[in-house]
Amino acid sequence: MGNEYGTVSWTVLDESQLKITNYYGETETADIVSLKDGCLTLGNGDDIEQFWNSP
């Protein structure tokens, strides 16, 4: 959902899934692969993204 208009909201569904909702109400669910050392790693199959807690 990157590079879309507006802001997103997110909800942790359980300890292993993150639900992301965009400005238009569309949703995606991603598996939480890990959360450590300021890095959130999300994945869906072979598609893995890392998000760092830094400015």
N, C-alpha and C. Protein backbone atom coordinates (compact mmCIF):
# COMPACT_ATOMS: atom_id res chain seq x y z
N MET A 1 0.81 -1.19 0.00
CA MET A 1 0.00 0.00 0.00
C MET A 1 0.86 1.26 0.00
N GLY A 2 2.09 1.11 -0.34
CA GLY A 2 2.97 2.26 -0.37
C GLY A 2 2.63 3.23 -1.48
N ASN A 3 3.00 4.47 -1.29
CA ASN A 3 2.84 5.52 -2.28
C ASN A 3 1.38 5.81 -2.65
N GLU A 4 0.47 5.63 -1.71
CA GLU A 4 -0.93 5.95 -1.95
C GLU A 4 -1.30 7.23 -1.23
N TYR A 5 -2.41 7.83 -1.63
CA TYR A 5 -2.89 9.08 -1.06
C TYR A 5 -3.38 8.86 0.37
N GLY A 6 -3.16 9.83 1.24
CA GLY A 6 -3.72 9.82 2.59
C GLY A 6 -2.89 9.00 3.57
N THR A 7 -3.49 8.80 4.70
CA THR A 7 -2.82 8.05 5.76
C THR A 7 -3.41 6.66 5.88
N VAL A 8 -2.70 5.80 6.54
CA VAL A 8 -3.17 4.44 6.79
C VAL A 8 -3.36 4.23 8.28
N SER A 9 -4.14 3.25 8.63
CA SER A 9 -4.24 2.82 10.02
C SER A 9 -3.88 1.35 10.06
N TRP A 10 -3.50 0.89 11.21
CA TRP A 10 -3.11 -0.51 11.32
C TRP A 10 -3.64 -1.09 12.62
N THR A 11 -3.84 -2.40 12.61
CA THR A 11 -4.33 -3.14 13.76
C THR A 11 -3.57 -4.45 13.83
N VAL A 12 -3.13 -4.82 15.02
CA VAL A 12 -2.52 -6.13 15.21
C VAL A 12 -3.67 -7.11 15.45
N LEU A 13 -3.83 -8.08 14.54
CA LEU A 13 -4.94 -9.04 14.65
C LEU A 13 -4.67 -10.09 15.71
N ASP A 14 -3.48 -10.55 15.78
CA ASP A 14 -3.02 -11.46 16.81
C ASP A 14 -1.52 -11.25 16.88
N GLU A 15 -0.80 -12.11 17.51
CA GLU A 15 0.64 -11.88 17.66
C GLU A 15 1.41 -12.09 16.36
N SER A 16 0.73 -12.54 15.29
CA SER A 16 1.48 -12.84 14.07
C SER A 16 0.96 -12.17 12.81
N GLN A 17 -0.09 -11.32 12.91
CA GLN A 17 -0.61 -10.68 11.71
C GLN A 17 -0.92 -9.20 11.96
N LEU A 18 -0.66 -8.40 10.92
CA LEU A 18 -0.91 -6.97 10.95
C LEU A 18 -1.90 -6.64 9.83
N LYS A 19 -2.98 -5.94 10.18
CA LYS A 19 -3.98 -5.52 9.19
C LYS A 19 -3.78 -4.03 8.94
N ILE A 20 -3.61 -3.66 7.67
CA ILE A 20 -3.37 -2.28 7.27
C ILE A 20 -4.56 -1.81 6.44
N THR A 21 -5.13 -0.64 6.79
CA THR A 21 -6.27 -0.08 6.08
C THR A 21 -5.87 1.28 5.52
N ASN A 22 -6.08 1.49 4.21
CA ASN A 22 -5.68 2.76 3.60
C ASN A 22 -6.80 3.79 3.69
N TYR A 23 -6.57 4.95 3.14
CA TYR A 23 -7.49 6.08 3.16
C TYR A 23 -8.86 5.73 2.56
N TYR A 24 -8.85 4.84 1.57
CA TYR A 24 -10.08 4.47 0.87
C TYR A 24 -10.81 3.28 1.51
N GLY A 25 -10.28 2.75 2.60
CA GLY A 25 -10.91 1.62 3.28
C GLY A 25 -10.48 0.27 2.78
N GLU A 26 -9.54 0.22 1.84
CA GLU A 26 -9.02 -1.05 1.35
C GLU A 26 -8.08 -1.62 2.40
N THR A 27 -8.08 -2.94 2.55
CA THR A 27 -7.25 -3.55 3.58
C THR A 27 -6.32 -4.60 2.99
N GLU A 28 -5.22 -4.79 3.67
CA GLU A 28 -4.28 -5.87 3.39
C GLU A 28 -3.84 -6.44 4.73
N THR A 29 -3.53 -7.71 4.74
CA THR A 29 -3.02 -8.37 5.94
C THR A 29 -1.64 -8.92 5.63
N ALA A 30 -0.72 -8.70 6.56
CA ALA A 30 0.64 -9.20 6.38
C ALA A 30 1.05 -9.98 7.62
N ASP A 31 1.83 -11.01 7.41
CA ASP A 31 2.38 -11.77 8.53
C ASP A 31 3.52 -10.99 9.16
N ILE A 32 3.55 -10.95 10.49
CA ILE A 32 4.66 -10.34 11.21
C ILE A 32 5.74 -11.40 11.32
N VAL A 33 6.81 -11.20 10.58
CA VAL A 33 7.92 -12.15 10.58
C VAL A 33 8.77 -11.95 11.83
N SER A 34 9.11 -10.69 12.13
CA SER A 34 9.88 -10.40 13.35
C SER A 34 9.75 -8.93 13.70
N LEU A 35 10.04 -8.64 14.95
CA LEU A 35 10.09 -7.28 15.46
C LEU A 35 11.22 -7.25 16.48
N LYS A 36 12.37 -6.72 16.06
CA LYS A 36 13.51 -6.67 16.97
C LYS A 36 14.49 -5.60 16.53
N ASP A 37 15.19 -5.05 17.48
CA ASP A 37 16.22 -4.03 17.23
C ASP A 37 15.71 -2.87 16.38
N GLY A 38 14.45 -2.46 16.60
CA GLY A 38 13.90 -1.33 15.87
C GLY A 38 13.51 -1.62 14.44
N CYS A 39 13.40 -2.89 14.09
CA CYS A 39 13.05 -3.28 12.72
C CYS A 39 11.83 -4.20 12.73
N LEU A 40 10.78 -3.79 12.00
CA LEU A 40 9.59 -4.61 11.81
C LEU A 40 9.71 -5.27 10.45
N THR A 41 9.64 -6.59 10.42
CA THR A 41 9.70 -7.34 9.17
C THR A 41 8.34 -7.97 8.92
N LEU A 42 7.74 -7.62 7.79
CA LEU A 42 6.44 -8.15 7.39
C LEU A 42 6.62 -9.00 6.15
N GLY A 43 5.76 -10.01 5.99
CA GLY A 43 5.86 -10.85 4.80
C GLY A 43 4.56 -11.49 4.41
N ASN A 44 4.43 -11.73 3.14
CA ASN A 44 3.34 -12.51 2.55
C ASN A 44 3.97 -13.43 1.52
N GLY A 45 4.18 -14.66 1.89
CA GLY A 45 4.85 -15.58 0.97
C GLY A 45 6.29 -15.18 0.75
N ASP A 46 6.67 -14.98 -0.52
CA ASP A 46 8.04 -14.61 -0.87
C ASP A 46 8.29 -13.11 -0.79
N ASP A 47 7.23 -12.31 -0.58
CA ASP A 47 7.35 -10.85 -0.52
C ASP A 47 7.60 -10.42 0.92
N ILE A 48 8.80 -9.93 1.22
CA ILE A 48 9.18 -9.52 2.57
C ILE A 48 9.60 -8.06 2.55
N GLU A 49 9.09 -7.28 3.49
CA GLU A 49 9.43 -5.85 3.61
C GLU A 49 9.93 -5.59 5.03
N GLN A 50 10.92 -4.70 5.15
CA GLN A 50 11.45 -4.29 6.45
C GLN A 50 11.17 -2.80 6.65
N PHE A 51 10.77 -2.46 7.88
CA PHE A 51 10.50 -1.09 8.25
C PHE A 51 11.29 -0.78 9.50
N TRP A 52 12.12 0.26 9.44
CA TRP A 52 13.02 0.62 10.54
C TRP A 52 12.46 1.77 11.34
N ASN A 53 12.65 1.75 12.64
CA ASN A 53 12.22 2.81 13.54
C ASN A 53 13.31 3.88 13.58
N SER A 54 13.34 4.68 12.52
CA SER A 54 14.32 5.76 12.45
C SER A 54 13.73 6.89 11.60
N PRO A 55 14.16 8.12 11.86
CA PRO A 55 13.63 9.26 11.10
C PRO A 55 14.06 9.24 9.64
